Amino acid sequence: MKSISKIILPSILMIFLIFLWQDGKDILNGIYFAFPLIYILLGLICTDFQKELLISLILLSISFLVLINLMFNMGNCLDLVIIYILLSFIFYWLKRKFFRN
């Protein structure tokens, strides 16, 4: 149950934030501040299993791309998702390298 919550919770949080910012005023703050923080926290949380991190990143990226493209017609945000995934992997690597017991 704990691993399922690690996998699904970031996607649910992102979907909630996108629907919260549905009026379009705060979505740029979300794209450049809140969503990268979600990816960074995901890299820090999923340090035990790489499978959890990969599945969670896939769900998070799909929810981001689909909702941003459908609700806001912002075009292709694939470059942002690639940067977010790289951030997540960097923080995953840092946590495993420096904070391993």
N, C-alpha and C. Protein backbone atom coordinates (compact mmCIF):
# COMPACT_ATOMS: atom_id res chain seq x y z
N MET A 1 0.82 -1.19 0.00
CA MET A 1 0.00 0.00 0.00
C MET A 1 0.86 1.25 0.00
N LYS A 2 1.99 1.17 0.71
CA LYS A 2 2.88 2.33 0.80
C LYS A 2 3.51 2.64 -0.57
N SER A 3 3.88 1.60 -1.31
CA SER A 3 4.49 1.84 -2.61
C SER A 3 3.46 2.35 -3.62
N ILE A 4 2.22 1.89 -3.49
CA ILE A 4 1.17 2.38 -4.39
C ILE A 4 0.91 3.86 -4.15
N SER A 5 0.94 4.28 -2.89
CA SER A 5 0.73 5.70 -2.61
C SER A 5 1.90 6.54 -3.12
N LYS A 6 3.12 5.99 -3.09
CA LYS A 6 4.26 6.71 -3.65
C LYS A 6 4.13 6.88 -5.15
N ILE A 7 3.51 5.92 -5.79
CA ILE A 7 3.39 5.95 -7.25
C ILE A 7 2.26 6.88 -7.69
N ILE A 8 1.12 6.80 -7.02
CA ILE A 8 -0.08 7.50 -7.48
C ILE A 8 -0.21 8.91 -6.91
N LEU A 9 0.26 9.14 -5.70
CA LEU A 9 0.05 10.43 -5.04
C LEU A 9 0.59 11.63 -5.81
N PRO A 10 1.80 11.59 -6.39
CA PRO A 10 2.26 12.77 -7.16
C PRO A 10 1.37 13.10 -8.35
N SER A 11 0.86 12.07 -9.03
CA SER A 11 -0.03 12.33 -10.17
C SER A 11 -1.34 12.95 -9.73
N ILE A 12 -1.87 12.46 -8.62
CA ILE A 12 -3.11 13.02 -8.09
C ILE A 12 -2.90 14.47 -7.66
N LEU A 13 -1.76 14.75 -7.03
CA LEU A 13 -1.45 16.11 -6.62
C LEU A 13 -1.34 17.04 -7.82
N MET A 14 -0.70 16.58 -8.89
CA MET A 14 -0.56 17.41 -10.08
C MET A 14 -1.92 17.64 -10.74
N ILE A 15 -2.75 16.61 -10.82
CA ILE A 15 -4.08 16.78 -11.40
C ILE A 15 -4.91 17.76 -10.57
N PHE A 16 -4.81 17.66 -9.25
CA PHE A 16 -5.52 18.59 -8.38
C PHE A 16 -5.06 20.02 -8.60
N LEU A 17 -3.74 20.23 -8.71
CA LEU A 17 -3.23 21.58 -8.93
C LEU A 17 -3.64 22.14 -10.29
N ILE A 18 -3.65 21.29 -11.30
CA ILE A 18 -4.07 21.76 -12.63
C ILE A 18 -5.53 22.17 -12.61
N PHE A 19 -6.39 21.38 -11.96
CA PHE A 19 -7.80 21.76 -11.88
C PHE A 19 -8.01 22.96 -10.98
N LEU A 20 -7.14 23.13 -9.99
CA LEU A 20 -7.24 24.30 -9.12
C LEU A 20 -6.90 25.58 -9.89
N TRP A 21 -5.93 25.48 -10.78
CA TRP A 21 -5.50 26.63 -11.57
C TRP A 21 -6.16 26.64 -12.94
N GLN A 22 -7.37 26.20 -13.01
CA GLN A 22 -8.08 26.06 -14.27
C GLN A 22 -8.36 27.40 -14.96
N ASP A 23 -8.41 28.48 -14.19
CA ASP A 23 -8.70 29.77 -14.80
C ASP A 23 -7.54 30.30 -15.63
N GLY A 24 -6.37 29.73 -15.50
CA GLY A 24 -5.24 30.06 -16.36
C GLY A 24 -4.30 31.10 -15.83
N LYS A 25 -4.61 31.73 -14.71
CA LYS A 25 -3.75 32.80 -14.21
C LYS A 25 -2.50 32.25 -13.52
N ASP A 26 -2.66 31.18 -12.78
CA ASP A 26 -1.54 30.65 -11.99
C ASP A 26 -0.87 29.45 -12.62
N ILE A 27 -1.27 29.06 -13.81
CA ILE A 27 -0.70 27.85 -14.40
C ILE A 27 0.78 28.03 -14.74
N LEU A 28 1.19 29.25 -15.08
CA LEU A 28 2.62 29.46 -15.36
C LEU A 28 3.45 29.32 -14.09
N ASN A 29 2.91 29.76 -12.95
CA ASN A 29 3.61 29.51 -11.68
C ASN A 29 3.73 28.02 -11.42
N GLY A 30 2.69 27.28 -11.75
CA GLY A 30 2.73 25.84 -11.57
C GLY A 30 3.73 25.18 -12.49
N ILE A 31 3.74 25.61 -13.74
CA ILE A 31 4.65 24.99 -14.71
C ILE A 31 6.11 25.23 -14.35
N TYR A 32 6.43 26.42 -13.87
CA TYR A 32 7.83 26.74 -13.63
C TYR A 32 8.28 26.59 -12.18
N PHE A 33 7.35 26.44 -11.22
CA PHE A 33 7.75 26.31 -9.82
C PHE A 33 7.19 25.07 -9.13
N ALA A 34 5.87 24.89 -9.17
CA ALA A 34 5.25 23.81 -8.41
C ALA A 34 5.50 22.44 -9.03
N PHE A 35 5.35 22.31 -10.34
CA PHE A 35 5.52 21.01 -10.97
C PHE A 35 6.96 20.51 -10.91
N PRO A 36 7.99 21.36 -11.11
CA PRO A 36 9.35 20.86 -10.91
C PRO A 36 9.59 20.39 -9.47
N LEU A 37 8.99 21.07 -8.50
CA LEU A 37 9.13 20.62 -7.11
C LEU A 37 8.51 19.25 -6.90
N ILE A 38 7.39 18.98 -7.57
CA ILE A 38 6.78 17.66 -7.46
C ILE A 38 7.73 16.60 -8.02
N TYR A 39 8.35 16.88 -9.16
CA TYR A 39 9.29 15.92 -9.75
C TYR A 39 10.52 15.75 -8.85
N ILE A 40 11.03 16.82 -8.26
CA ILE A 40 12.19 16.73 -7.37
C ILE A 40 11.84 15.91 -6.13
N LEU A 41 10.69 16.17 -5.54
CA LEU A 41 10.28 15.40 -4.38
C LEU A 41 10.07 13.94 -4.72
N LEU A 42 9.60 13.67 -5.91
CA LEU A 42 9.44 12.29 -6.36
C LEU A 42 10.79 11.59 -6.44
N GLY A 43 11.80 12.29 -6.93
CA GLY A 43 13.14 11.71 -6.97
C GLY A 43 13.70 11.46 -5.59
N LEU A 44 13.35 12.27 -4.63
CA LEU A 44 13.82 12.08 -3.26
C LEU A 44 13.04 10.99 -2.53
N ILE A 45 11.77 10.85 -2.82
CA ILE A 45 10.95 9.87 -2.13
C ILE A 45 11.22 8.45 -2.63
N CYS A 46 11.34 8.28 -3.92
CA CYS A 46 11.48 6.94 -4.51
C CYS A 46 12.94 6.53 -4.59
N THR A 47 13.61 6.44 -3.48
CA THR A 47 15.02 6.05 -3.51
C THR A 47 15.23 4.56 -3.34
N ASP A 48 14.20 3.84 -2.97
CA ASP A 48 14.37 2.42 -2.72
C ASP A 48 14.30 1.58 -4.00
N PHE A 49 13.37 1.89 -4.84
CA PHE A 49 13.15 1.07 -6.03
C PHE A 49 13.11 1.93 -7.28
N GLN A 50 13.85 1.50 -8.29
CA GLN A 50 13.83 2.24 -9.55
C GLN A 50 12.53 2.01 -10.30
N LYS A 51 11.90 0.86 -10.10
CA LYS A 51 10.64 0.59 -10.79
C LYS A 51 9.56 1.56 -10.33
N GLU A 52 9.52 1.84 -9.04
CA GLU A 52 8.54 2.81 -8.52
C GLU A 52 8.76 4.18 -9.14
N LEU A 53 10.02 4.58 -9.22
CA LEU A 53 10.33 5.89 -9.80
C LEU A 53 9.92 5.95 -11.26
N LEU A 54 10.23 4.92 -12.03
CA LEU A 54 9.90 4.95 -13.45
C LEU A 54 8.39 4.95 -13.69
N ILE A 55 7.67 4.10 -12.96
CA ILE A 55 6.22 4.06 -13.13
C ILE A 55 5.59 5.38 -12.72
N SER A 56 6.06 5.94 -11.62
CA SER A 56 5.52 7.21 -11.15
C SER A 56 5.85 8.35 -12.11
N LEU A 57 7.06 8.35 -12.66
CA LEU A 57 7.41 9.38 -13.64
C LEU A 57 6.57 9.27 -14.91
N ILE A 58 6.29 8.06 -15.33
CA ILE A 58 5.45 7.88 -16.52
C ILE A 58 4.04 8.40 -16.26
N LEU A 59 3.45 8.03 -15.11
CA LEU A 59 2.11 8.51 -14.78
C LEU A 59 2.07 10.02 -14.63
N LEU A 60 3.07 10.57 -13.97
CA LEU A 60 3.13 12.01 -13.75
C LEU A 60 3.28 12.76 -15.07
N SER A 61 4.13 12.27 -15.94
CA SER A 61 4.35 12.93 -17.24
C SER A 61 3.12 12.85 -18.13
N ILE A 62 2.48 11.70 -18.13
CA ILE A 62 1.26 11.57 -18.94
C ILE A 62 0.17 12.50 -18.43
N SER A 63 -0.01 12.53 -17.11
CA SER A 63 -1.05 13.42 -16.58
C SER A 63 -0.73 14.88 -16.87
N PHE A 64 0.54 15.26 -16.80
CA PHE A 64 0.93 16.64 -17.10
C PHE A 64 0.68 16.96 -18.57
N LEU A 65 1.17 16.12 -19.46
CA LEU A 65 1.06 16.42 -20.89
C LEU A 65 -0.39 16.44 -21.36
N VAL A 66 -1.16 15.46 -20.93
CA VAL A 66 -2.55 15.38 -21.40
C VAL A 66 -3.37 16.55 -20.87
N LEU A 67 -3.28 16.82 -19.58
CA LEU A 67 -4.12 17.89 -19.03
C LEU A 67 -3.69 19.28 -19.49
N ILE A 68 -2.40 19.53 -19.58
CA ILE A 68 -1.95 20.84 -20.05
C ILE A 68 -2.35 21.06 -21.51
N ASN A 69 -2.21 20.03 -22.33
CA ASN A 69 -2.58 20.19 -23.73
C ASN A 69 -4.08 20.28 -23.93
N LEU A 70 -4.87 19.54 -23.15
CA LEU A 70 -6.32 19.58 -23.33
C LEU A 70 -6.96 20.82 -22.73
N MET A 71 -6.53 21.20 -21.53
CA MET A 71 -7.21 22.29 -20.84
C MET A 71 -6.71 23.67 -21.23
N PHE A 72 -5.43 23.79 -21.52
CA PHE A 72 -4.87 25.12 -21.74
C PHE A 72 -4.39 25.35 -23.17
N ASN A 73 -4.40 24.32 -24.00
CA ASN A 73 -3.95 24.43 -25.39
C ASN A 73 -2.58 25.09 -25.49
N MET A 74 -1.66 24.66 -24.65
CA MET A 74 -0.35 25.28 -24.62
C MET A 74 0.62 24.67 -25.63
N GLY A 75 0.16 23.75 -26.41
CA GLY A 75 1.03 23.14 -27.38
C GLY A 75 1.86 22.03 -26.76
N ASN A 76 3.04 21.89 -27.25
CA ASN A 76 3.88 20.80 -26.82
C ASN A 76 4.74 21.22 -25.63
N CYS A 77 4.55 20.58 -24.52
CA CYS A 77 5.34 20.83 -23.31
C CYS A 77 6.33 19.70 -23.07
N LEU A 78 6.69 19.00 -24.13
CA LEU A 78 7.56 17.84 -23.99
C LEU A 78 8.95 18.22 -23.50
N ASP A 79 9.45 19.38 -23.91
CA ASP A 79 10.76 19.81 -23.44
C ASP A 79 10.76 20.07 -21.93
N LEU A 80 9.67 20.60 -21.40
CA LEU A 80 9.57 20.80 -19.96
C LEU A 80 9.53 19.47 -19.22
N VAL A 81 8.81 18.50 -19.77
CA VAL A 81 8.73 17.19 -19.13
C VAL A 81 10.09 16.51 -19.12
N ILE A 82 10.85 16.65 -20.18
CA ILE A 82 12.20 16.07 -20.22
C ILE A 82 13.09 16.71 -19.17
N ILE A 83 13.01 18.02 -19.02
CA ILE A 83 13.80 18.70 -17.98
C ILE A 83 13.35 18.26 -16.59
N TYR A 84 12.04 18.12 -16.38
CA TYR A 84 11.53 17.67 -15.09
C TYR A 84 12.01 16.26 -14.77
N ILE A 85 11.99 15.38 -15.75
CA ILE A 85 12.44 14.01 -15.54
C ILE A 85 13.93 13.98 -15.22
N LEU A 86 14.71 14.81 -15.91
CA LEU A 86 16.14 14.90 -15.60
C LEU A 86 16.37 15.39 -14.18
N LEU A 87 15.59 16.37 -13.75
CA LEU A 87 15.69 16.85 -12.36
C LEU A 87 15.38 15.73 -11.38
N SER A 88 14.37 14.96 -11.68
CA SER A 88 13.99 13.87 -10.80
C SER A 88 15.11 12.83 -10.71
N PHE A 89 15.70 12.48 -11.84
CA PHE A 89 16.80 11.51 -11.82
C PHE A 89 18.04 12.06 -11.12
N ILE A 90 18.31 13.35 -11.27
CA ILE A 90 19.47 13.95 -10.59
C ILE A 90 19.28 13.88 -9.08
N PHE A 91 18.10 14.23 -8.59
CA PHE A 91 17.87 14.17 -7.15
C PHE A 91 17.78 12.74 -6.65
N TYR A 92 17.31 11.81 -7.48
CA TYR A 92 17.32 10.39 -7.13
C TYR A 92 18.77 9.92 -6.96
N TRP A 93 19.62 10.30 -7.89
CA TRP A 93 21.03 9.91 -7.83
C TRP A 93 21.73 10.54 -6.63
N LEU A 94 21.47 11.83 -6.39
CA LEU A 94 22.09 12.50 -5.24
C LEU A 94 21.67 11.86 -3.92
N LYS A 95 20.41 11.51 -3.80
CA LYS A 95 19.95 10.90 -2.56
C LYS A 95 20.58 9.52 -2.36
N ARG A 96 20.69 8.75 -3.42
CA ARG A 96 21.31 7.43 -3.29
C ARG A 96 22.80 7.51 -3.06
N LYS A 97 23.43 8.53 -3.60
CA LYS A 97 24.88 8.65 -3.48
C LYS A 97 25.30 9.20 -2.11
N PHE A 98 24.64 10.22 -1.63
CA PHE A 98 25.11 10.92 -0.43
C PHE A 98 24.36 10.55 0.86
N PHE A 99 23.13 10.11 0.74
CA PHE A 99 22.35 9.85 1.95
C PHE A 99 22.01 8.40 2.13
N ARG A 100 22.80 7.53 1.60
CA ARG A 100 22.59 6.09 1.74
C ARG A 100 23.13 5.64 3.09
N ASN A 101 22.37 4.84 3.80
CA ASN A 101 22.83 4.37 5.12
C ASN A 101 23.89 3.31 4.99
